[in-house]
Amino acid sequence: MQEKSGAQISTRAFLQSLAILFVLMMVAGVLTRTVPAGEYTRLEVDGRLVIDPASYHATEHPDYPIWRWFTAPIEVLGAEGNLILIVIIIFLLSVGGAFAVLDKSGIVKAAIGKIVQRFGGQKYLLMLIITFFFMSIGAFFGIFEEIVPLVPIMVALAYMLGWDALTGLGMSILATNMGFSAAITNPFTIVVAQELAGLETFSGWWLRLIIFAVIYIIFAIFLTAYARRIEKDPASSFIYNDDQAEREKYSRMDASMLIETNPAFNQAITWFVIFTFLILVVLVAGAFIEAISDVALPLVGVLFLIAGIGAGFISGAGGKTVLRGVWEGVTGILPGIPLILMAVSIKHIVVSGGILDTLLHAASQPFAAAHPIVAALIIYLLALGIEFFVASGSAKAFLMMPILLPLADLIGVTRQTTVLAYCFGDGFSNLAYPTNPVLLICLGLTVVSYPKWIRWTAKLWFWILLATFGFISLAVVINYGPF
């Protein structure tokens, strides 16, 4: 039977994620029956809704029947503010189809072969450069979800270099998350939170630059140590028994030979590189131009689809091969769609049950008599907790910052420190919680299950927590400001 091309979500990973998300949906539903309902008053400030932190009051439980816990994944498609969800789904399907064309026509293997041929003797240097690149685009431009199309390519590259799928995930989406969280100018967290705090945009960058460097060093040590270990002893890989077939496929492949036997691959790769550059231009421009930011994700999806299909035809692959590639790519991604809908529905259930503000209000109470360092750490932990229900960094900022800032002012924590603690809490949890659709999709594109992912990243999260606790404490001590 011919192997399907593109990103194929494994049945095992799909079923595990499905079970975890279903349990979390039921837990959210039970909370709507056991937690008192309440709400804050929302005020419109500068065209945006913000919370009045002194306005919390109890309310009657809305009429939210149990059967709607089960229909929530469908309801979220029509919920207010969830248009972006449909955009993300279309984006993923477009990218899945384009990548499968690149895979089926041999372009991916050819491109990887050229990279291996160029850096084969300096593969750890290559790893550090790739990691730094992905961290940087997360830290400066807030790019995160858009990296999903590159994950299968980085996983394939990891196989070619003698590593495993975890290493490929580490070089791509995990590195991006490290940068997104150790943000320097991330417009979706730093800029939004500073705007709500009344701080000058990008102020306090000098400490965040130091934080970025430290997080990069921690992550680079973690990733290279793991790669060296499995290179020395492949059986020590956390997924040794799961990705044997993929390892075997790439280990016996001399992809660089494809360039020699089919010169059209060079032209196809050039075509794809040009569109990759256009995609980067869109992403960078979107960080500064609001009109482009609003359409950046669907535009990236369209550009990637054109890049993939165009490269397929240029490589000499016939129309039948290209169409089959698109079909296999789209159908390979499709199982991830219900996972995304179920992840988003957890917040939908909590909101529909009228208890999101209650949970937020209860979580903010420990600030009352806390020491400034303790209070700053509580902000961090609070953001980590709310992340479980609200994955969007900017959405969470509008929920939390209007409540956290007045409390931080009273306790003596600077607003700049509050922004820093919030951004840490929002970012580093993105690839730890099973409610984050990006994590579910990226794992589904490989043989890595969620439990093995957590087992692999546990040590990294431990050191990240220690480092970020230290930086938050330092920020309190030096009165990190300007205010």
Protein backbone atom coordinates (compact mmCIF):
# COMPACT_ATOMS: atom_id res chain seq x y z
CA MET A 1 0.00 0.00 0.00
CA GLN A 2 1.43 3.39 -1.00
CA GLU A 3 2.35 5.64 1.89
CA LYS A 4 0.28 8.80 2.09
CA SER A 5 2.05 12.12 1.68
CA GLY A 6 2.01 15.14 3.93
CA ALA A 7 1.12 15.50 7.56
CA GLN A 8 -0.94 12.51 8.68
CA ILE A 9 -2.39 12.63 12.20
CA SER A 10 -1.86 9.25 13.80
CA THR A 11 -4.89 7.33 15.10
CA ARG A 12 -3.25 6.77 18.48
CA ALA A 13 -2.44 10.45 19.04
CA PHE A 14 -5.94 11.42 17.88
CA LEU A 15 -7.72 9.04 20.27
CA GLN A 16 -5.56 10.03 23.24
CA SER A 17 -6.16 13.74 22.63
CA LEU A 18 -9.86 13.09 22.06
CA ALA A 19 -10.17 11.31 25.42
CA ILE A 20 -8.26 14.02 27.32
CA LEU A 21 -10.32 16.83 25.83
CA PHE A 22 -13.61 15.04 26.43
CA VAL A 23 -12.77 14.63 30.12
CA LEU A 24 -11.83 18.32 30.36
CA MET A 25 -15.11 19.31 28.70
CA MET A 26 -17.03 17.29 31.28
CA VAL A 27 -15.03 18.85 34.13
CA ALA A 28 -15.83 22.31 32.78
CA GLY A 29 -19.49 21.33 32.59
CA VAL A 30 -19.54 20.09 36.19
CA LEU A 31 -17.98 23.39 37.31
CA THR A 32 -20.90 25.28 35.76
CA ARG A 33 -23.17 23.32 38.14
CA THR A 34 -21.06 23.69 41.28
CA VAL A 35 -19.42 27.15 41.05
CA PRO A 36 -21.60 30.25 41.74
CA ALA A 37 -22.26 32.43 38.72
CA GLY A 38 -20.99 35.99 38.66
CA GLU A 39 -19.74 38.69 36.35
CA TYR A 40 -17.77 41.89 36.00
CA THR A 41 -19.08 44.96 34.23
CA ARG A 42 -17.41 45.56 30.87
CA LEU A 43 -16.63 49.12 29.82
CA GLU A 44 -15.68 50.36 26.38
CA VAL A 45 -12.34 52.18 26.48
CA ASP A 46 -10.73 53.35 23.24
CA GLY A 47 -13.04 51.09 21.28
CA ARG A 48 -12.24 47.98 23.34
CA LEU A 49 -14.11 46.23 26.10
CA VAL A 50 -12.25 46.11 29.43
CA ILE A 51 -13.28 44.88 32.87
CA ASP A 52 -14.12 47.22 35.76
CA PRO A 53 -12.17 45.47 38.57
CA ALA A 54 -14.47 46.76 41.32
CA SER A 55 -17.69 45.66 39.63
CA TYR A 56 -17.83 41.92 40.37
CA HIS A 57 -21.26 40.76 41.54
CA ALA A 58 -23.11 37.49 41.85
CA THR A 59 -25.69 36.60 39.22
CA GLU A 60 -28.29 33.94 38.61
CA HIS A 61 -27.04 30.80 36.92
CA PRO A 62 -27.95 30.95 33.23
CA ASP A 63 -30.13 28.22 31.82
CA TYR A 64 -27.36 26.02 30.46
CA PRO A 65 -28.53 22.40 30.13
CA ILE A 66 -26.19 19.42 30.37
CA TRP A 67 -26.82 18.34 26.78
CA ARG A 68 -25.12 21.53 25.57
CA TRP A 69 -21.83 20.35 27.09
CA PHE A 70 -21.79 17.80 24.28
CA THR A 71 -22.82 20.20 21.51
CA ALA A 72 -20.33 22.90 22.54
CA PRO A 73 -17.73 21.91 19.88
CA ILE A 74 -20.34 22.69 17.21
CA GLU A 75 -21.68 25.81 18.92
CA VAL A 76 -18.25 27.47 19.04
CA LEU A 77 -18.31 27.79 15.24
CA GLY A 78 -21.15 30.28 15.51
CA ALA A 79 -20.12 31.95 18.77
CA GLU A 80 -19.40 35.67 18.75
CA GLY A 81 -15.72 36.43 18.23
CA ASN A 82 -14.90 32.95 16.96
CA LEU A 83 -14.58 33.84 13.28
CA ILE A 84 -10.82 33.45 13.75
CA LEU A 85 -11.46 29.79 14.59
CA ILE A 86 -12.86 29.15 11.11
CA VAL A 87 -9.94 31.08 9.62
CA ILE A 88 -7.47 28.87 11.52
CA ILE A 89 -9.19 25.69 10.31
CA ILE A 90 -9.09 26.83 6.67
CA PHE A 91 -5.48 27.88 7.15
CA LEU A 92 -4.48 24.47 8.47
CA LEU A 93 -6.28 22.62 5.66
CA SER A 94 -4.59 24.85 3.05
CA VAL A 95 -1.18 24.32 4.56
CA GLY A 96 -1.78 20.57 4.93
CA GLY A 97 -2.63 20.28 1.24
CA ALA A 98 0.35 22.38 0.14
CA PHE A 99 2.83 20.47 2.27
CA ALA A 100 1.56 17.13 0.96
CA VAL A 101 2.21 18.31 -2.61
CA LEU A 102 5.77 19.25 -1.63
CA ASP A 103 6.18 15.85 0.01
CA LYS A 104 4.62 13.78 -2.77
CA SER A 105 6.61 15.49 -5.53
CA GLY A 106 9.88 14.90 -3.66
CA ILE A 107 10.64 18.59 -3.10
CA VAL A 108 10.77 18.30 0.70
CA LYS A 109 13.28 15.46 0.55
CA ALA A 110 15.35 17.32 -2.04
CA ALA A 111 15.44 20.52 0.04
CA ILE A 112 16.35 18.61 3.18
CA GLY A 113 19.04 16.79 1.24
CA LYS A 114 20.63 20.10 0.25
CA ILE A 115 20.58 21.30 3.87
CA VAL A 116 22.11 18.07 5.13
CA GLN A 117 24.72 18.22 2.38
CA ARG A 118 25.62 21.79 3.38
CA PHE A 119 25.60 21.40 7.17
CA GLY A 120 26.00 17.64 7.61
CA GLY A 121 29.33 18.07 9.36
CA GLN A 122 28.05 20.90 11.59
CA LYS A 123 24.61 19.65 12.49
CA TYR A 124 24.64 20.95 16.06
CA LEU A 125 25.55 24.40 14.79
CA LEU A 126 22.64 24.04 12.38
CA MET A 127 20.37 23.09 15.29
CA LEU A 128 21.42 26.18 17.27
CA ILE A 129 20.87 28.47 14.28
CA ILE A 130 17.42 27.04 13.53
CA THR A 131 16.45 27.25 17.20
CA PHE A 132 17.59 30.87 17.44
CA PHE A 133 15.66 31.76 14.28
CA PHE A 134 12.38 30.27 15.53
CA MET A 135 12.82 31.80 19.00
CA SER A 136 13.49 35.22 17.48
CA ILE A 137 10.39 35.36 15.29
CA GLY A 138 8.31 34.38 18.32
CA ALA A 139 9.95 36.96 20.58
CA PHE A 140 9.91 39.91 18.19
CA PHE A 141 6.82 39.33 16.05
CA GLY A 142 4.56 37.11 18.19
CA ILE A 143 4.51 34.40 15.53
CA PHE A 144 3.29 31.07 16.90
CA GLU A 145 0.40 29.32 15.11
CA GLU A 146 1.87 30.25 11.73
CA ILE A 147 4.83 27.91 12.36
CA VAL A 148 2.64 24.79 12.14
CA PRO A 149 3.35 24.27 8.39
CA LEU A 150 7.09 24.10 9.08
CA VAL A 151 6.81 21.46 11.81
CA PRO A 152 6.72 18.43 9.47
CA ILE A 153 9.71 19.83 7.58
CA MET A 154 11.74 20.25 10.76
CA VAL A 155 10.76 16.77 11.94
CA ALA A 156 11.91 15.32 8.62
CA LEU A 157 15.17 17.26 8.92
CA ALA A 158 15.68 15.87 12.43
CA TYR A 159 15.30 12.33 11.08
CA MET A 160 17.79 13.05 8.31
CA LEU A 161 20.32 14.26 10.88
CA GLY A 162 19.93 11.13 13.01
CA TRP A 163 17.57 12.44 15.68
CA ASP A 164 13.85 11.86 16.39
CA ALA A 165 10.49 13.61 16.06
CA LEU A 166 10.81 15.22 19.50
CA THR A 167 13.99 16.95 18.39
CA GLY A 168 12.20 18.22 15.28
CA LEU A 169 9.34 19.54 17.39
CA GLY A 170 11.89 21.13 19.70
CA MET A 171 13.71 22.94 16.88
CA SER A 172 10.45 24.37 15.50
CA ILE A 173 7.28 24.87 17.53
CA LEU A 174 8.86 24.53 20.99
CA ALA A 175 11.61 27.01 20.08
CA THR A 176 8.98 29.42 18.78
CA ASN A 177 7.05 29.07 22.03
CA MET A 178 10.20 29.80 24.05
CA GLY A 179 10.65 33.03 22.12
CA PHE A 180 6.94 33.93 22.21
CA SER A 181 7.04 33.59 26.01
CA ALA A 182 10.40 35.34 26.57
CA ALA A 183 8.95 38.12 24.46
CA ILE A 184 10.93 41.21 23.53
CA THR A 185 8.44 43.07 21.32
CA ASN A 186 5.66 40.46 20.92
CA PRO A 187 2.69 42.58 19.74
CA PHE A 188 0.08 40.08 20.99
CA THR A 189 1.25 40.01 24.61
CA ILE A 190 3.82 42.71 25.41
CA VAL A 191 2.25 45.47 23.33
CA VAL A 192 -1.37 44.75 24.32
CA ALA A 193 -0.51 44.40 28.03
CA GLN A 194 1.64 47.55 28.03
CA GLU A 195 -1.08 49.50 26.28
CA LEU A 196 -3.61 48.43 28.92
CA ALA A 197 -1.09 49.33 31.65
CA GLY A 198 -0.47 52.80 30.23
CA LEU A 199 3.20 51.99 29.60
CA GLU A 200 5.19 53.21 26.62
CA THR A 201 5.22 50.57 23.89
CA PHE A 202 8.30 48.30 24.06
CA SER A 203 9.52 50.01 27.25
CA GLY A 204 11.61 47.81 29.57
CA TRP A 205 13.08 45.98 26.58
CA TRP A 206 16.58 45.77 28.11
CA LEU A 207 15.58 43.25 30.80
CA ARG A 208 13.49 41.24 28.34
CA LEU A 209 16.53 41.01 26.05
CA ILE A 210 18.54 39.48 28.92
CA ILE A 211 15.65 37.10 29.68
CA PHE A 212 15.55 36.01 26.03
CA ALA A 213 19.27 35.22 26.10
CA VAL A 214 18.99 33.17 29.30
CA ILE A 215 15.96 31.21 28.07
CA TYR A 216 17.76 30.52 24.79
CA ILE A 217 20.78 29.12 26.66
CA ILE A 218 18.58 26.91 28.86
CA PHE A 219 16.64 25.62 25.87
CA ALA A 220 19.74 25.08 23.72
CA ILE A 221 21.39 23.03 26.48
CA PHE A 222 18.21 20.96 26.93
CA LEU A 223 17.76 20.25 23.22
CA THR A 224 21.38 19.54 22.30
CA ALA A 225 21.86 17.29 25.34
CA TYR A 226 18.84 15.22 24.32
CA ALA A 227 19.92 15.05 20.66
CA ARG A 228 23.45 13.93 21.61
CA ARG A 229 22.01 11.29 23.93
CA ILE A 230 19.76 9.66 21.36
CA GLU A 231 22.42 9.93 18.68
CA LYS A 232 24.72 7.93 20.95
CA ASP A 233 21.97 5.52 22.03
CA PRO A 234 18.84 5.64 19.79
CA ALA A 235 16.96 3.37 22.21
CA SER A 236 17.06 6.18 24.81
CA SER A 237 14.62 8.19 22.71
CA PHE A 238 11.28 8.73 24.44
CA ILE A 239 9.56 7.57 21.25
CA TYR A 240 12.05 4.91 20.09
CA ASN A 241 9.36 2.29 19.44
CA ASP A 242 6.95 4.77 17.86
CA ASP A 243 8.97 6.36 15.06
CA GLN A 244 11.08 3.45 13.86
CA ALA A 245 9.43 3.46 10.44
CA GLU A 246 10.09 7.16 9.90
CA ARG A 247 13.68 6.84 11.11
CA GLU A 248 14.22 3.95 8.73
CA LYS A 249 12.72 5.84 5.78
CA TYR A 250 14.97 8.86 6.19
CA SER A 251 18.11 7.06 7.36
CA ARG A 252 18.42 5.12 4.10
CA MET A 253 17.60 8.09 1.90
CA ASP A 254 20.20 10.12 0.02
CA ALA A 255 17.93 13.06 -0.68
CA SER A 256 20.70 15.19 -2.19
CA MET A 257 20.76 12.82 -5.19
CA LEU A 258 17.32 14.06 -6.16
CA ILE A 259 18.81 17.42 -7.12
CA GLU A 260 21.13 15.75 -9.60
CA THR A 261 18.59 13.43 -11.16
CA ASN A 262 15.90 16.08 -11.52
CA PRO A 263 17.28 19.61 -12.08
CA ALA A 264 13.70 20.94 -11.99
CA PHE A 265 13.79 20.51 -8.22
CA ASN A 266 16.17 23.48 -8.02
CA GLN A 267 13.64 25.68 -9.80
CA ALA A 268 10.80 24.34 -7.63
CA ILE A 269 12.77 25.05 -4.45
CA THR A 270 13.57 28.57 -5.70
CA TRP A 271 9.85 29.16 -6.35
CA PHE A 272 9.01 27.97 -2.83
CA VAL A 273 11.77 30.10 -1.24
CA ILE A 274 10.41 33.21 -2.99
CA PHE A 275 6.95 32.59 -1.55
CA THR A 276 8.45 31.82 1.86
CA PHE A 277 10.07 35.25 1.74
CA LEU A 278 6.69 36.80 0.84
CA ILE A 279 5.13 34.99 3.80
CA LEU A 280 7.79 36.40 6.14
CA VAL A 281 7.14 39.89 4.73
CA VAL A 282 3.43 39.50 5.48
CA LEU A 283 4.13 38.30 9.03
CA VAL A 284 6.59 41.10 9.78
CA ALA A 285 4.32 43.75 8.26
CA GLY A 286 1.37 42.34 10.20
CA ALA A 287 3.20 43.03 13.45
CA PHE A 288 3.17 46.76 12.66
CA ILE A 289 0.29 47.39 10.24
CA GLU A 290 -3.17 46.62 11.63
CA ALA A 291 -4.82 46.26 8.21
CA ILE A 292 -2.36 43.51 7.26
CA SER A 293 -2.53 41.90 10.71
CA ASP A 294 -6.28 41.35 10.30
CA VAL A 295 -5.78 39.20 7.19
CA ALA A 296 -2.28 37.83 7.87
CA LEU A 297 -3.28 34.27 8.73
CA PRO A 298 -5.55 33.58 5.71
CA LEU A 299 -3.07 35.38 3.45
CA VAL A 300 -0.23 33.16 4.70
CA GLY A 301 -2.40 30.11 4.04
CA VAL A 302 -3.13 31.23 0.46
CA LEU A 303 0.54 32.02 -0.22
CA PHE A 304 1.63 28.66 1.17
CA LEU A 305 -0.95 26.84 -0.96
CA ILE A 306 0.21 28.68 -4.11
CA ALA A 307 3.83 27.98 -3.17
CA GLY A 308 3.21 24.26 -2.69
CA ILE A 309 1.05 23.65 -5.75
CA GLY A 310 3.22 25.83 -7.98
CA ALA A 311 6.39 24.07 -6.82
CA GLY A 312 4.74 20.72 -7.49
CA PHE A 313 4.02 21.59 -11.11
CA ILE A 314 7.47 23.17 -11.63
CA SER A 315 9.14 20.00 -10.30
CA GLY A 316 7.55 18.04 -13.13
CA ALA A 317 4.87 16.32 -11.07
CA GLY A 318 1.72 15.93 -13.15
CA GLY A 319 -1.67 17.35 -12.32
CA LYS A 320 -2.85 13.99 -11.01
CA THR A 321 0.03 13.82 -8.54
CA VAL A 322 -0.55 17.39 -7.37
CA LEU A 323 -4.29 16.84 -6.86
CA ARG A 324 -3.68 13.59 -5.02
CA GLY A 325 -1.19 15.39 -2.81
CA VAL A 326 -3.70 18.12 -1.95
CA TRP A 327 -6.34 15.49 -1.17
CA GLU A 328 -4.04 13.43 1.05
CA GLY A 329 -2.83 16.55 2.85
CA VAL A 330 -6.33 17.86 3.56
CA THR A 331 -7.68 14.48 4.69
CA GLY A 332 -4.58 13.98 6.84
CA ILE A 333 -5.28 17.22 8.72
CA LEU A 334 -9.06 16.71 9.01
CA PRO A 335 -8.94 14.61 12.22
CA GLY A 336 -7.34 17.59 13.94
CA ILE A 337 -10.39 19.78 13.35
CA PRO A 338 -12.62 18.16 16.02
CA LEU A 339 -9.70 18.38 18.46
CA ILE A 340 -9.46 22.13 17.88
CA LEU A 341 -13.23 22.54 18.31
CA MET A 342 -13.23 20.51 21.53
CA ALA A 343 -10.30 22.52 22.95
CA VAL A 344 -12.04 25.83 22.24
CA SER A 345 -15.35 24.51 23.59
CA ILE A 346 -13.92 24.23 27.13
CA LYS A 347 -13.85 28.01 27.43
CA HIS A 348 -17.24 28.17 25.70
CA ILE A 349 -18.79 25.90 28.35
CA VAL A 350 -17.33 27.94 31.21
CA VAL A 351 -18.54 31.22 29.69
CA SER A 352 -21.98 29.85 28.81
CA GLY A 353 -22.32 28.56 32.37
CA GLY A 354 -21.65 32.08 33.71
CA ILE A 355 -18.64 31.15 35.85
CA LEU A 356 -15.57 32.50 34.00
CA ASP A 357 -15.65 35.82 35.87
CA THR A 358 -16.24 33.95 39.15
CA LEU A 359 -13.11 31.90 38.60
CA LEU A 360 -11.17 35.03 37.69
CA HIS A 361 -12.46 36.91 40.75
CA ALA A 362 -11.61 34.04 43.11
CA ALA A 363 -8.13 33.73 41.66
CA SER A 364 -7.43 37.45 42.21
CA GLN A 365 -8.25 37.45 45.94
CA PRO A 366 -4.86 36.22 47.24
CA PHE A 367 -3.42 39.62 46.31
CA ALA A 368 -5.03 41.28 49.31
CA ALA A 369 -2.12 41.05 51.78
CA ALA A 370 0.69 39.55 49.71
CA HIS A 371 4.35 40.60 49.74
CA PRO A 372 5.29 42.28 46.42
CA ILE A 373 7.46 39.35 45.27
CA VAL A 374 4.75 36.86 46.25
CA ALA A 375 2.12 39.02 44.55
CA ALA A 376 4.14 39.13 41.32
CA LEU A 377 4.53 35.35 41.37
CA ILE A 378 0.78 34.99 41.97
CA ILE A 379 0.16 37.06 38.84
CA TYR A 380 2.38 34.60 36.99
CA LEU A 381 0.54 31.57 38.39
CA LEU A 382 -2.84 33.20 37.77
CA ALA A 383 -1.98 33.70 34.09
CA LEU A 384 -0.87 30.07 33.96
CA GLY A 385 -4.23 29.00 35.37
CA ILE A 386 -6.41 31.17 33.14
CA GLU A 387 -4.44 29.96 30.12
CA PHE A 388 -6.13 26.60 30.60
CA PHE A 389 -9.46 28.17 29.63
CA VAL A 390 -8.45 31.16 27.47
CA ALA A 391 -5.60 30.34 25.08
CA SER A 392 -5.45 33.69 23.26
CA GLY A 393 -2.78 35.95 24.73
CA SER A 394 -4.42 39.23 23.72
CA ALA A 395 -7.90 38.04 24.82
CA LYS A 396 -6.51 37.03 28.20
CA ALA A 397 -4.82 40.42 28.55
CA PHE A 398 -8.16 42.21 28.17
CA LEU A 399 -9.67 39.85 30.76
CA MET A 400 -6.90 40.00 33.35
CA MET A 401 -4.92 43.22 33.11
CA PRO A 402 -7.75 45.58 34.18
CA ILE A 403 -8.08 43.48 37.35
CA LEU A 404 -4.41 42.80 38.01
CA LEU A 405 -3.11 46.32 37.49
CA PRO A 406 -5.09 48.12 40.27
CA LEU A 407 -4.28 45.27 42.67
CA ALA A 408 -0.60 45.41 41.76
CA ASP A 409 -0.59 49.19 42.29
CA LEU A 410 -1.97 48.75 45.82
CA ILE A 411 0.56 46.08 46.77
CA GLY A 412 3.59 47.86 45.36
CA VAL A 413 4.33 45.79 42.25
CA THR A 414 5.25 47.94 39.26
CA ARG A 415 3.06 47.74 36.19
CA GLN A 416 6.07 46.73 34.09
CA THR A 417 6.65 43.77 36.43
CA THR A 418 2.96 42.87 36.18
CA VAL A 419 3.22 42.85 32.38
CA LEU A 420 6.32 40.64 32.57
CA ALA A 421 4.66 38.14 34.93
CA TYR A 422 1.54 38.07 32.77
CA CYS A 423 3.52 37.39 29.58
CA PHE A 424 5.45 34.56 31.24
CA GLY A 425 2.23 32.95 32.43
CA ASP A 426 0.50 33.36 29.11
CA GLY A 427 3.33 32.01 26.98
CA PHE A 428 5.12 29.12 28.62
CA SER A 429 1.89 27.20 29.24
CA ASN A 430 0.95 27.19 25.55
CA LEU A 431 2.79 23.93 24.87
CA ALA A 432 2.00 22.28 28.19
CA TYR A 433 -1.81 22.22 28.31
CA PRO A 434 -3.85 19.78 26.22
CA THR A 435 -6.41 22.54 25.66
CA ASN A 436 -4.09 24.38 23.28
CA PRO A 437 -5.05 23.49 19.69
CA VAL A 438 -1.58 24.31 18.32
CA LEU A 439 -0.01 21.70 20.59
CA LEU A 440 -2.62 19.10 19.63
CA ILE A 441 -2.13 19.71 15.92
CA CYS A 442 1.68 19.61 16.13
CA LEU A 443 1.63 16.36 18.09
CA GLY A 444 -0.91 14.94 15.67
CA LEU A 445 1.46 15.64 12.79
CA THR A 446 3.96 13.25 14.38
CA VAL A 447 3.93 9.97 16.30
CA VAL A 448 4.35 11.80 19.62
CA SER A 449 1.54 11.32 22.16
CA TYR A 450 0.62 13.98 24.72
CA PRO A 451 1.84 11.94 27.74
CA LYS A 452 5.24 11.38 26.11
CA TRP A 453 5.44 15.04 25.18
CA ILE A 454 4.90 16.05 28.82
CA ARG A 455 7.38 13.46 29.99
CA TRP A 456 9.99 14.82 27.57
CA THR A 457 9.42 18.51 28.36
CA ALA A 458 9.00 18.14 32.16
CA LYS A 459 12.66 18.85 32.94
CA LEU A 460 12.65 21.86 30.62
CA TRP A 461 9.54 23.32 32.27
CA PHE A 462 11.19 22.88 35.69
CA TRP A 463 14.23 24.95 34.71
CA ILE A 464 12.07 27.51 32.91
CA LEU A 465 9.95 27.97 36.04
CA LEU A 466 13.05 28.47 38.19
CA ALA A 467 14.50 31.00 35.76
CA THR A 468 11.26 32.95 35.37
CA PHE A 469 10.60 32.97 39.12
CA GLY A 470 14.09 34.43 39.50
CA PHE A 471 13.52 37.14 36.89
CA ILE A 472 10.16 38.15 38.37
CA SER A 473 11.74 38.41 41.83
CA LEU A 474 14.58 40.47 40.35
CA ALA A 475 12.07 42.78 38.66
CA VAL A 476 10.38 43.44 42.02
CA VAL A 477 13.71 44.08 43.77
CA ILE A 478 14.98 46.57 41.15
CA ASN A 479 11.54 48.21 40.88
CA TYR A 480 11.42 47.40 37.17
CA GLY A 481 9.68 50.27 35.47
CA PRO A 482 9.38 53.09 34.54
CA PHE A 483 6.37 52.40 36.79
